[in-house]
Amino acid sequence: MPTLTDLTRQHTDLDAADLEWIHALVSDWQLLADLSFADLVLWVPLTGRRPRQGGGPPGVGGWVAVAQIRPTTGPTAYTDDLVGMVVEPGRRGLIDVAWTEQRICREGDPEWGSGIPVREEAIPVRRDGRILGIIQRSTNLSSARTPSHLELTYLQSASDLAKMIDEGRFPFREVEPNLARSPRVGDGLIRVDRDGRVLYASPNAQSAYRRLGLATDLVGTPLGDTTARLMNTAVDDSLAVVAGGRAPSETEIESNGAIVQLRAIPLIVDGNRTGALVLLRDVTELRWRDRALMSKDATIREIHHRVKNNLQTVAALLRLQARRLRVPEGRAALEEAVRRVGSIAIVHETLSHTPEELVDFDDIADRVVAMAGEVSAPETRVRPKRVGSFGVLPAVIATPLAMVLAELLQNALEHGLANRAGSLEVVVTRGDERLKVLVADNGSGLPDDFDVESTASLGLQIVRTLIVGELGGVIDLRPRQGGGTEVVLDIPLDQGPRTVPTA
């Protein structure tokens, strides 16, 4: 289905500012639909098409429906999607009249074309004195009855909002468009007069204030003062603006263990501020869950930080023990253990700075490469380098991969490039589903009888266990064309549960 932007660019001559205005309106017109108990369809005049002789308003070659929304407070009048529909002028008579006479038009009698009674209205969408399009407001009257106080308040508020759209006062200028997190009509609605005194409060709104600690009725009270007393604070500017409805704004209030979100919508009709709508929603559970998640994330980061510190302590103890040994083999084994512990500590250090179990592995790889280069013999003059990007990896891949990379680089420096100059590269290729890593050197190469399955090298045994056993990947050691060795790792990026084959 084409988007609003696609349709307006294809069928109209609206400029970028006009399109932005329409986007702002459509992002917030669920409010009008819910207050009206009606469907809304936005029609924009076609351009580049000659009007039919004797049909429709002058200069209009037809209409295209660019947006549509249904009410959440009542039955829909249109079960079909109308977005993208193009109609000839004269086929939507009420829209033509509203465009020509530049005013809100209402039909006296309902239409029965679809088998249900529908009352039609047309509301001009105006910006800077120009009409950009017409909102067709269609109310399904099949369940019509004597309206309640709530419904009358909704309808009066919808009428005021429609006039603001016709006068070019809604959506509000220089205000961020309404987002899904904002309160909706059904969450709770309060209507206040121009002095901020409550004229009406819906049952949901009254219940929200009950949770904040209010024991009396809201109607007749100054909303700003009432809210401030519940919070045991003075009415600051932000609270006064929202509760009094003097400007479009949002805030959250907390009292008695409850948290309520408020959104003010000033009602300005014929240039006069008549009052405001204050939408509100009880977000207590949402905020407590957010706080719990933040606490959980902070705890996880602290755990990674402490694990990193503990690993560094273990590495320091092993390094101290290695210095005391007089047996070269034992000292070398402890130094290898220090490097392995250090590569794991690098991953946990990175995880301690991120709220998720995801890390930018390029930084980790560069530090592992640098660490390997530092321990290489000075006479070899080998400086390992990375080509390509690992990107962001989950911790379940990052930790073993850091160890594997450290082992392969160390193995190449100690054996393939021992006492000789050469090059050592880590080449990364990342696809949508798999990660391929090539570690290549131009050293002395593999022995003729080398077998990765039966090798006695502890480092290669660790590499094989981690790549094949833990990550479900594939490892291939082979001679490099032109001399040297290359190791190819092929690792699946999806590390979901796997079935371990049994013997």
Protein backbone atom coordinates (compact mmCIF):
# COMPACT_ATOMS: atom_id res chain seq x y z
CA MET A 1 0.00 0.00 0.00
CA PRO A 2 1.40 3.46 -0.90
CA THR A 3 2.33 5.75 1.97
CA LEU A 4 0.95 9.22 2.65
CA THR A 5 4.17 10.72 1.32
CA ASP A 6 4.02 8.61 -1.85
CA LEU A 7 0.41 9.59 -2.57
CA THR A 8 0.88 13.32 -1.96
CA ARG A 9 4.01 13.47 -4.10
CA GLN A 10 2.40 11.46 -6.90
CA HIS A 11 -0.97 13.19 -7.06
CA THR A 12 -0.57 16.69 -5.56
CA ASP A 13 1.65 19.76 -5.69
CA LEU A 14 1.95 20.15 -1.90
CA ASP A 15 5.39 21.38 -0.86
CA ALA A 16 7.58 19.98 1.93
CA ALA A 17 6.12 22.31 4.58
CA ASP A 18 2.55 21.34 3.61
CA LEU A 19 3.45 17.66 3.74
CA GLU A 20 5.03 18.09 7.16
CA TRP A 21 1.85 19.79 8.42
CA ILE A 22 -0.28 16.90 7.15
CA HIS A 23 2.06 14.37 8.75
CA ALA A 24 1.77 16.21 12.08
CA LEU A 25 -2.02 16.21 11.78
CA VAL A 26 -2.27 12.54 10.89
CA SER A 27 0.11 11.55 13.69
CA ASP A 28 -2.36 13.03 16.20
CA TRP A 29 -5.79 12.73 14.61
CA GLN A 30 -6.68 9.56 16.53
CA LEU A 31 -7.68 12.11 19.17
CA LEU A 32 -10.31 13.64 16.87
CA ALA A 33 -11.59 10.23 15.75
CA ASP A 34 -12.04 9.01 19.33
CA LEU A 35 -13.70 12.22 20.52
CA SER A 36 -16.03 12.15 17.49
CA PHE A 37 -16.81 8.40 17.65
CA ALA A 38 -16.19 8.66 13.89
CA ASP A 39 -14.01 7.51 11.00
CA LEU A 40 -11.72 10.09 9.43
CA VAL A 41 -10.53 10.12 5.81
CA LEU A 42 -8.21 12.85 4.53
CA TRP A 43 -8.88 13.86 0.91
CA VAL A 44 -6.38 16.02 -1.00
CA PRO A 45 -7.17 17.62 -4.38
CA LEU A 46 -5.52 16.16 -7.45
CA THR A 47 -3.24 18.33 -9.56
CA GLY A 48 -2.15 18.02 -13.16
CA ARG A 49 -5.62 16.82 -14.15
CA ARG A 50 -8.30 18.90 -15.84
CA PRO A 51 -11.56 19.18 -13.89
CA ARG A 52 -14.61 17.56 -15.42
CA GLN A 53 -16.93 20.01 -17.12
CA GLY A 54 -19.71 21.06 -14.78
CA GLY A 55 -18.64 18.83 -11.87
CA GLY A 56 -16.94 19.70 -8.59
CA PRO A 57 -15.34 22.92 -7.41
CA PRO A 58 -13.41 25.11 -9.88
CA GLY A 59 -9.81 24.06 -10.43
CA VAL A 60 -10.15 20.69 -8.68
CA GLY A 61 -9.66 17.70 -10.95
CA GLY A 62 -10.67 15.14 -8.36
CA TRP A 63 -9.70 13.86 -4.94
CA VAL A 64 -7.30 11.25 -3.58
CA ALA A 65 -7.59 9.68 -0.11
CA VAL A 66 -4.15 9.88 1.50
CA ALA A 67 -4.91 8.80 5.09
CA GLN A 68 -7.64 7.06 7.08
CA ILE A 69 -8.27 6.21 10.74
CA ARG A 70 -11.04 4.49 12.68
CA PRO A 71 -12.29 5.30 16.18
CA THR A 72 -11.44 3.16 19.19
CA THR A 73 -14.49 4.52 21.04
CA GLY A 74 -17.25 3.44 18.65
CA PRO A 75 -18.19 1.33 15.59
CA THR A 76 -16.55 2.05 12.26
CA ALA A 77 -18.43 3.39 9.27
CA TYR A 78 -15.96 1.94 6.74
CA THR A 79 -14.76 -1.65 6.87
CA ASP A 80 -12.76 -1.16 3.66
CA ASP A 81 -9.53 0.81 3.32
CA LEU A 82 -9.98 3.95 1.24
CA VAL A 83 -6.33 5.08 1.17
CA GLY A 84 -5.19 5.47 -2.43
CA MET A 85 -8.75 5.82 -3.81
CA VAL A 86 -9.13 8.49 -6.49
CA VAL A 87 -12.59 9.96 -7.12
CA GLU A 88 -13.94 12.34 -9.72
CA PRO A 89 -15.08 15.81 -8.66
CA GLY A 90 -18.74 15.84 -7.79
CA ARG A 91 -18.67 12.30 -6.36
CA ARG A 92 -18.00 13.63 -2.85
CA GLY A 93 -20.42 16.54 -2.81
CA LEU A 94 -19.92 17.56 0.81
CA ILE A 95 -16.14 17.71 0.32
CA ASP A 96 -16.59 19.87 -2.78
CA VAL A 97 -18.81 22.27 -0.84
CA ALA A 98 -16.38 22.53 2.07
CA TRP A 99 -13.53 23.27 -0.36
CA THR A 100 -15.50 25.86 -2.33
CA GLU A 101 -17.07 27.63 0.66
CA GLN A 102 -13.99 27.11 2.87
CA ARG A 103 -15.97 26.09 5.93
CA ILE A 104 -17.03 23.04 7.94
CA CYS A 105 -20.07 21.41 6.30
CA ARG A 106 -22.50 18.92 7.85
CA GLU A 107 -25.27 16.88 6.30
CA GLY A 108 -28.69 17.11 7.85
CA ASP A 109 -29.82 13.53 7.18
CA PRO A 110 -27.69 10.40 7.43
CA GLU A 111 -26.67 8.39 4.37
CA TRP A 112 -27.77 4.76 4.02
CA GLY A 113 -25.63 3.79 1.05
CA SER A 114 -23.78 1.00 2.85
CA GLY A 115 -26.81 -0.32 4.71
CA ILE A 116 -26.07 1.59 7.92
CA PRO A 117 -26.95 5.17 8.79
CA VAL A 118 -23.85 7.38 8.50
CA ARG A 119 -23.68 11.10 9.27
CA GLU A 120 -21.12 12.88 7.10
CA GLU A 121 -19.14 16.05 7.84
CA ALA A 122 -16.33 17.78 5.97
CA ILE A 123 -13.60 19.70 7.80
CA PRO A 124 -11.10 21.87 5.88
CA VAL A 125 -7.45 21.36 6.81
CA ARG A 126 -5.94 24.82 6.80
CA ARG A 127 -2.35 26.02 7.05
CA ASP A 128 -1.34 29.68 6.87
CA GLY A 129 -4.73 30.60 5.40
CA ARG A 130 -4.57 27.92 2.64
CA ILE A 131 -6.70 24.78 2.55
CA LEU A 132 -4.53 21.71 1.95
CA GLY A 133 -7.28 19.11 2.00
CA ILE A 134 -10.59 18.04 3.54
CA ILE A 135 -11.22 15.61 6.39
CA GLN A 136 -14.32 13.51 5.81
CA ARG A 137 -15.74 12.64 9.23
CA SER A 138 -18.21 9.72 9.08
CA THR A 139 -20.18 8.65 12.16
CA ASN A 140 -21.87 5.25 12.30
CA LEU A 141 -25.33 5.92 13.80
CA SER A 142 -26.47 2.30 13.98
CA SER A 143 -26.11 2.27 17.77
CA ALA A 144 -27.34 5.82 18.33
CA ARG A 145 -28.95 6.51 21.71
CA THR A 146 -29.31 9.32 24.19
CA PRO A 147 -25.71 10.47 24.80
CA SER A 148 -24.23 10.39 28.28
CA HIS A 149 -22.38 13.24 29.98
CA LEU A 150 -19.08 11.66 28.86
CA GLU A 151 -20.22 11.41 25.24
CA LEU A 152 -21.51 14.97 25.20
CA THR A 153 -18.16 16.19 26.55
CA TYR A 154 -16.34 14.15 23.90
CA LEU A 155 -18.52 15.55 21.10
CA GLN A 156 -18.17 19.15 22.28
CA SER A 157 -14.39 18.72 22.50
CA ALA A 158 -14.37 17.17 19.02
CA SER A 159 -16.31 20.14 17.68
CA ASP A 160 -13.79 22.56 19.18
CA LEU A 161 -10.88 20.54 17.79
CA ALA A 162 -12.48 20.47 14.32
CA LYS A 163 -12.78 24.27 14.40
CA MET A 164 -9.10 24.52 15.36
CA ILE A 165 -8.18 22.38 12.33
CA ASP A 166 -10.35 24.59 10.12
CA GLU A 167 -8.68 27.71 11.56
CA GLY A 168 -5.18 26.29 11.12
CA ARG A 169 -4.51 26.08 14.88
CA PHE A 170 -4.15 22.29 15.06
CA PRO A 171 -1.74 20.55 14.94
CA PHE A 172 0.30 22.88 17.13
CA ARG A 173 3.27 24.59 15.57
CA GLU A 174 6.80 23.78 16.78
CA VAL A 175 5.50 20.91 18.91
CA GLU A 176 6.78 17.39 18.46
CA PRO A 177 4.05 15.21 16.90
CA ASN A 178 2.16 12.98 19.30
CA LEU A 179 3.82 9.61 19.87
CA ALA A 180 2.26 6.26 20.76
CA ARG A 181 3.39 6.66 24.38
CA SER A 182 1.10 9.67 24.94
CA PRO A 183 -2.26 9.22 26.71
CA ARG A 184 -5.30 8.51 24.54
CA VAL A 185 -8.92 9.57 24.98
CA GLY A 186 -10.00 6.26 26.50
CA ASP A 187 -7.18 6.33 29.07
CA GLY A 188 -8.71 9.32 30.85
CA LEU A 189 -9.94 12.80 29.93
CA ILE A 190 -10.41 16.01 31.90
CA ARG A 191 -11.90 19.17 30.45
CA VAL A 192 -10.94 22.42 32.19
CA ASP A 193 -12.12 25.99 31.65
CA ARG A 194 -9.80 28.87 30.76
CA ASP A 195 -8.91 29.29 34.45
CA GLY A 196 -7.89 25.63 34.82
CA ARG A 197 -10.97 24.59 36.80
CA VAL A 198 -12.29 21.09 36.07
CA LEU A 199 -15.56 21.05 34.12
CA TYR A 200 -15.63 17.30 33.54
CA ALA A 201 -13.53 14.26 34.47
CA SER A 202 -14.08 10.84 32.90
CA PRO A 203 -14.34 7.80 35.19
CA ASN A 204 -10.83 6.68 34.20
CA ALA A 205 -9.45 10.14 34.96
CA GLN A 206 -11.17 10.20 38.34
CA SER A 207 -9.79 6.72 39.12
CA ALA A 208 -6.25 7.82 38.23
CA TYR A 209 -6.49 10.72 40.68
CA ARG A 210 -7.92 8.37 43.31
CA ARG A 211 -4.72 6.33 43.00
CA LEU A 212 -2.72 9.52 43.47
CA GLY A 213 -4.54 9.99 46.79
CA LEU A 214 -7.49 12.28 45.95
CA ALA A 215 -10.48 11.49 48.18
CA THR A 216 -12.94 13.98 46.64
CA ASP A 217 -14.46 14.63 43.23
CA LEU A 218 -12.33 16.46 40.66
CA VAL A 219 -15.16 18.48 39.12
CA GLY A 220 -15.12 22.10 40.26
CA THR A 221 -11.55 22.01 41.58
CA PRO A 222 -8.54 23.89 40.12
CA LEU A 223 -6.59 21.06 38.54
CA GLY A 224 -3.15 22.61 39.06
CA ASP A 225 -3.66 23.30 42.78
CA THR A 226 -5.27 19.90 43.35
CA THR A 227 -2.40 18.11 41.63
CA ALA A 228 0.23 20.11 43.54
CA ARG A 229 -1.39 19.26 46.90
CA LEU A 230 -1.31 15.57 46.06
CA MET A 231 2.38 15.84 45.22
CA ASN A 232 3.12 17.92 48.33
CA THR A 233 4.91 20.48 46.16
CA ALA A 234 4.27 23.96 44.88
CA VAL A 235 2.71 24.39 41.45
CA ASP A 236 5.79 24.86 39.29
CA ASP A 237 5.64 26.30 35.79
CA SER A 238 5.52 22.97 33.97
CA LEU A 239 2.72 21.61 36.15
CA ALA A 240 0.72 24.83 35.90
CA VAL A 241 1.03 24.82 32.11
CA VAL A 242 -0.14 21.21 31.77
CA ALA A 243 -2.84 21.18 34.46
CA GLY A 244 -4.11 24.60 33.42
CA GLY A 245 -3.98 23.73 29.74
CA ARG A 246 -2.26 26.99 28.79
CA ALA A 247 0.07 25.35 26.26
CA PRO A 248 0.47 21.98 24.53
CA SER A 249 2.78 20.01 26.80
CA GLU A 250 3.24 16.77 28.71
CA THR A 251 4.47 15.82 32.16
CA GLU A 252 4.33 13.00 34.69
CA ILE A 253 3.26 13.28 38.30
CA GLU A 254 3.93 10.84 41.11
CA SER A 255 2.17 10.54 44.45
CA ASN A 256 1.01 7.85 46.84
CA GLY A 257 3.05 5.26 44.92
CA ALA A 258 1.19 5.98 41.65
CA ILE A 259 2.50 7.64 38.50
CA VAL A 260 0.18 9.44 36.07
CA GLN A 261 1.07 10.93 32.71
CA LEU A 262 -0.66 14.20 31.70
CA ARG A 263 -0.99 15.77 28.28
CA ALA A 264 -2.56 19.21 27.81
CA ILE A 265 -4.33 20.25 24.59
CA PRO A 266 -5.42 23.91 24.66
CA LEU A 267 -8.77 24.62 22.96
CA ILE A 268 -8.59 27.89 21.00
CA VAL A 269 -11.75 28.72 19.02
CA ASP A 270 -12.24 31.93 17.04
CA GLY A 271 -8.97 33.22 18.47
CA ASN A 272 -10.05 32.80 22.10
CA ARG A 273 -8.77 30.19 24.54
CA THR A 274 -11.92 28.51 25.85
CA GLY A 275 -10.19 25.93 28.03
CA ALA A 276 -8.27 22.74 27.49
CA LEU A 277 -8.40 18.99 27.32
CA VAL A 278 -6.08 17.12 29.66
CA LEU A 279 -5.53 13.52 28.67
CA LEU A 280 -4.06 11.29 31.33
CA ARG A 281 -2.98 7.72 31.80
CA ASP A 282 -1.98 5.67 34.82
CA VAL A 283 1.54 4.51 33.92
CA THR A 284 2.48 3.16 37.35
CA GLU A 285 3.10 -0.41 36.22
CA LEU A 286 4.95 0.72 33.10
CA ARG A 287 7.30 2.98 35.03
CA TRP A 288 7.95 0.44 37.76
CA ARG A 289 8.76 -2.11 35.07
CA ASP A 290 11.07 0.40 33.36
CA ARG A 291 12.81 1.03 36.66
CA ALA A 292 13.12 -2.70 37.30
CA LEU A 293 14.68 -3.16 33.86
CA MET A 294 17.07 -0.26 34.46
CA SER A 295 18.02 -1.78 37.80
CA LYS A 296 18.52 -5.15 36.13
CA ASP A 297 20.70 -3.63 33.41
CA ALA A 298 22.78 -1.79 36.02
CA THR A 299 23.17 -5.02 37.99
CA ILE A 300 24.29 -6.93 34.89
CA ARG A 301 26.83 -4.23 34.02
CA GLU A 302 28.13 -4.27 37.59
CA ILE A 303 28.48 -8.07 37.44
CA HIS A 304 30.51 -7.83 34.21
CA HIS A 305 32.65 -5.13 35.83
CA ARG A 306 33.36 -7.30 38.86
CA VAL A 307 34.05 -10.37 36.70
CA LYS A 308 36.53 -8.30 34.70
CA ASN A 309 38.23 -7.15 37.91
CA ASN A 310 38.37 -10.71 39.23
CA LEU A 311 39.83 -12.00 35.97
CA GLN A 312 42.47 -9.28 36.04
CA THR A 313 43.30 -10.25 39.62
CA VAL A 314 43.64 -13.90 38.57
CA ALA A 315 45.86 -12.86 35.66
CA ALA A 316 48.04 -10.79 38.01
CA LEU A 317 48.41 -13.75 40.41
CA LEU A 318 49.33 -16.10 37.55
CA ARG A 319 51.84 -13.55 36.24
CA LEU A 320 53.36 -13.23 39.72
CA GLN A 321 53.57 -17.00 40.02
CA ALA A 322 55.20 -17.28 36.60
CA ARG A 323 57.99 -14.93 37.65
CA ARG A 324 58.84 -17.17 40.58
CA LEU A 325 59.13 -20.34 38.50
CA ARG A 326 62.55 -21.51 37.43
CA VAL A 327 61.19 -24.13 35.01
CA PRO A 328 60.79 -22.60 31.51
CA GLU A 329 57.92 -24.92 30.52
CA GLY A 330 55.92 -24.04 33.62
CA ARG A 331 56.55 -20.32 33.17
CA ALA A 332 55.43 -20.48 29.52
CA ALA A 333 52.25 -22.36 30.51
CA LEU A 334 51.35 -19.74 33.11
CA GLU A 335 52.03 -16.91 30.66
CA GLU A 336 49.67 -18.58 28.15
CA ALA A 337 47.02 -18.81 30.88
CA VAL A 338 47.50 -15.09 31.59
CA ARG A 339 46.81 -14.25 27.93
CA ARG A 340 43.72 -16.46 27.84
CA VAL A 341 42.30 -14.92 30.98
CA GLY A 342 43.12 -11.46 29.63
CA SER A 343 41.19 -12.03 26.39
CA ILE A 344 38.09 -13.00 28.39
CA ALA A 345 38.53 -9.96 30.65
CA ILE A 346 38.49 -7.67 27.59
CA VAL A 347 35.02 -8.96 26.64
CA HIS A 348 33.64 -8.47 30.16
CA GLU A 349 35.14 -4.98 30.31
CA THR A 350 33.26 -4.08 27.12
CA LEU A 351 30.03 -5.65 28.41
CA SER A 352 30.30 -3.58 31.60
CA HIS A 353 29.75 -0.43 29.51
CA THR A 354 26.65 -1.56 27.56
CA PRO A 355 23.11 -2.15 28.82
CA GLU A 356 22.61 -5.16 26.54
CA GLU A 357 24.47 -8.41 26.03
CA LEU A 358 25.79 -7.03 22.73
CA VAL A 359 29.24 -5.66 22.02
CA ASP A 360 31.05 -3.96 19.17
CA PHE A 361 33.56 -6.74 18.54
CA ASP A 362 35.83 -4.60 16.36
CA ASP A 363 37.13 -2.83 19.46
CA ILE A 364 37.69 -6.17 21.23
CA ALA A 365 39.44 -7.66 18.19
CA ASP A 366 41.76 -4.66 17.89
CA ARG A 367 42.74 -4.97 21.54
CA VAL A 368 43.36 -8.72 21.19
CA VAL A 369 45.45 -8.06 18.06
CA ALA A 370 47.43 -5.38 19.88
CA MET A 371 47.93 -7.66 22.88
CA ALA A 372 49.29 -10.40 20.62
CA GLY A 373 51.63 -7.97 18.89
CA GLU A 374 53.04 -6.79 22.22
CA VAL A 375 54.20 -10.27 23.20
CA SER A 376 55.78 -11.10 19.85
CA ALA A 377 59.57 -11.20 19.75
CA PRO A 378 61.10 -7.78 18.89
CA GLU A 379 63.28 -9.31 16.21
CA THR A 380 60.28 -10.60 14.22
CA ARG A 381 58.95 -7.08 13.62
CA VAL A 382 55.42 -8.50 13.05
CA ARG A 383 52.48 -6.16 13.54
CA PRO A 384 49.14 -8.02 13.18
CA LYS A 385 46.31 -6.09 11.52
CA ARG A 386 42.56 -6.47 11.01
CA VAL A 387 40.75 -6.17 7.66
CA GLY A 388 36.93 -5.97 7.59
CA SER A 389 34.41 -5.52 10.37
CA PHE A 390 32.98 -7.97 12.90
CA GLY A 391 30.17 -5.57 13.80
CA VAL A 392 28.01 -6.04 16.86
CA LEU A 393 28.02 -9.55 18.33
CA PRO A 394 26.17 -11.13 21.26
CA ALA A 395 28.24 -12.03 24.31
CA VAL A 396 27.62 -15.74 23.65
CA ILE A 397 29.77 -15.39 20.50
CA ALA A 398 32.09 -12.59 21.61
CA THR A 399 33.64 -14.37 24.61
CA PRO A 400 34.74 -17.60 22.90
CA LEU A 401 35.68 -15.77 19.71
CA ALA A 402 38.02 -13.44 21.64
CA MET A 403 39.80 -16.46 23.12
CA VAL A 404 40.00 -18.16 19.72
CA LEU A 405 41.44 -15.04 18.09
CA ALA A 406 44.05 -14.69 20.83
CA GLU A 407 45.06 -18.36 20.47
CA LEU A 408 45.39 -18.24 16.68
CA LEU A 409 47.41 -15.02 16.70
CA GLN A 410 49.69 -16.29 19.45
CA ASN A 411 50.15 -19.62 17.66
CA ALA A 412 51.11 -17.86 14.41
CA LEU A 413 53.62 -15.62 16.18
CA GLU A 414 55.22 -18.42 18.21
CA HIS A 415 55.41 -21.04 15.48
CA GLY A 416 54.76 -19.82 11.94
CA LEU A 417 56.59 -16.49 12.37
CA ALA A 418 59.11 -17.44 15.05
CA ASN A 419 62.41 -15.53 14.63
CA ARG A 420 61.48 -14.15 11.23
CA ALA A 421 59.80 -11.07 9.78
CA GLY A 422 56.46 -11.46 8.11
CA SER A 423 52.80 -10.44 7.97
CA LEU A 424 49.81 -11.54 10.03
CA GLU A 425 46.28 -10.56 9.06
CA VAL A 426 42.77 -11.10 10.41
CA VAL A 427 40.30 -10.82 7.50
CA VAL A 428 36.60 -10.64 8.41
CA THR A 429 33.59 -11.25 6.16
CA ARG A 430 30.15 -10.91 7.73
CA GLY A 431 26.93 -12.02 6.07
CA ASP A 432 23.33 -12.06 7.22
CA GLU A 433 23.59 -15.51 8.79
CA ARG A 434 27.27 -16.39 9.12
CA LEU A 435 30.57 -14.83 10.16
CA LYS A 436 33.78 -15.87 8.39
CA VAL A 437 37.19 -15.07 9.85
CA LEU A 438 40.51 -15.72 8.11
CA VAL A 439 43.75 -15.62 10.12
CA ALA A 440 46.65 -15.76 7.66
CA ASP A 441 50.44 -15.51 7.97
CA ASN A 442 53.34 -15.93 5.54
CA GLY A 443 55.47 -17.90 7.97
CA SER A 444 57.02 -21.37 7.83
CA GLY A 445 53.71 -23.16 7.25
CA LEU A 446 52.28 -26.40 8.66
CA PRO A 447 54.24 -29.61 9.14
CA ASP A 448 53.69 -32.23 6.45
CA ASP A 449 52.05 -34.65 8.89
CA PHE A 450 49.86 -32.03 10.61
CA ASP A 451 46.33 -33.14 11.59
CA VAL A 452 44.05 -30.72 13.45
CA GLU A 453 41.99 -33.61 14.83
CA SER A 454 44.94 -35.27 16.57
CA THR A 455 47.20 -32.32 17.31
CA ALA A 456 48.72 -32.16 20.81
CA SER A 457 48.69 -28.34 20.83
CA LEU A 458 46.59 -27.17 23.73
CA GLY A 459 45.89 -23.87 21.99
CA LEU A 460 44.48 -25.54 18.87
CA GLN A 461 42.48 -27.97 21.01
CA ILE A 462 40.93 -24.96 22.78
CA VAL A 463 40.18 -23.33 19.41
CA ARG A 464 38.52 -26.48 18.05
CA THR A 465 36.45 -26.98 21.22
CA LEU A 466 35.19 -23.41 21.22
CA ILE A 467 34.46 -23.09 17.49
CA VAL A 468 33.00 -26.54 16.82
CA GLY A 469 31.65 -27.57 20.21
CA GLU A 470 30.43 -24.26 21.64
CA LEU A 471 29.59 -22.10 18.60
CA GLY A 472 28.59 -24.87 16.16
CA GLY A 473 31.00 -23.54 13.56
CA VAL A 474 33.63 -24.99 11.24
CA ILE A 475 37.41 -24.62 11.39
CA ASP A 476 39.81 -25.28 8.50
CA LEU A 477 43.64 -25.11 8.79
CA ARG A 478 45.43 -25.23 5.48
CA PRO A 479 48.64 -24.12 3.75
CA ARG A 480 48.56 -20.61 2.37
CA GLN A 481 49.21 -20.11 -1.30
CA GLY A 482 52.67 -18.58 -1.59
CA GLY A 483 53.80 -19.89 1.79
CA GLY A 484 52.51 -19.74 5.33
CA THR A 485 49.31 -20.85 7.00
CA GLU A 486 45.72 -19.73 7.01
CA VAL A 487 42.96 -20.65 9.41
CA VAL A 488 39.35 -20.21 8.28
CA LEU A 489 36.55 -19.95 10.87
CA ASP A 490 32.92 -20.21 9.73
CA ILE A 491 30.53 -19.36 12.58
CA PRO A 492 26.70 -19.17 12.53
CA LEU A 493 25.39 -15.87 13.90
CA ASP A 494 22.18 -17.48 15.17
CA GLN A 495 23.23 -19.08 18.44
CA GLY A 496 19.82 -20.48 19.40
CA PRO A 497 19.45 -23.81 21.21
CA ARG A 498 21.17 -26.64 19.35
CA THR A 499 20.84 -30.37 19.69
CA VAL A 500 24.16 -31.90 20.68
CA PRO A 501 24.70 -35.14 18.75
CA THR A 502 25.16 -38.23 20.90
CA ALA A 503 27.55 -41.05 20.20
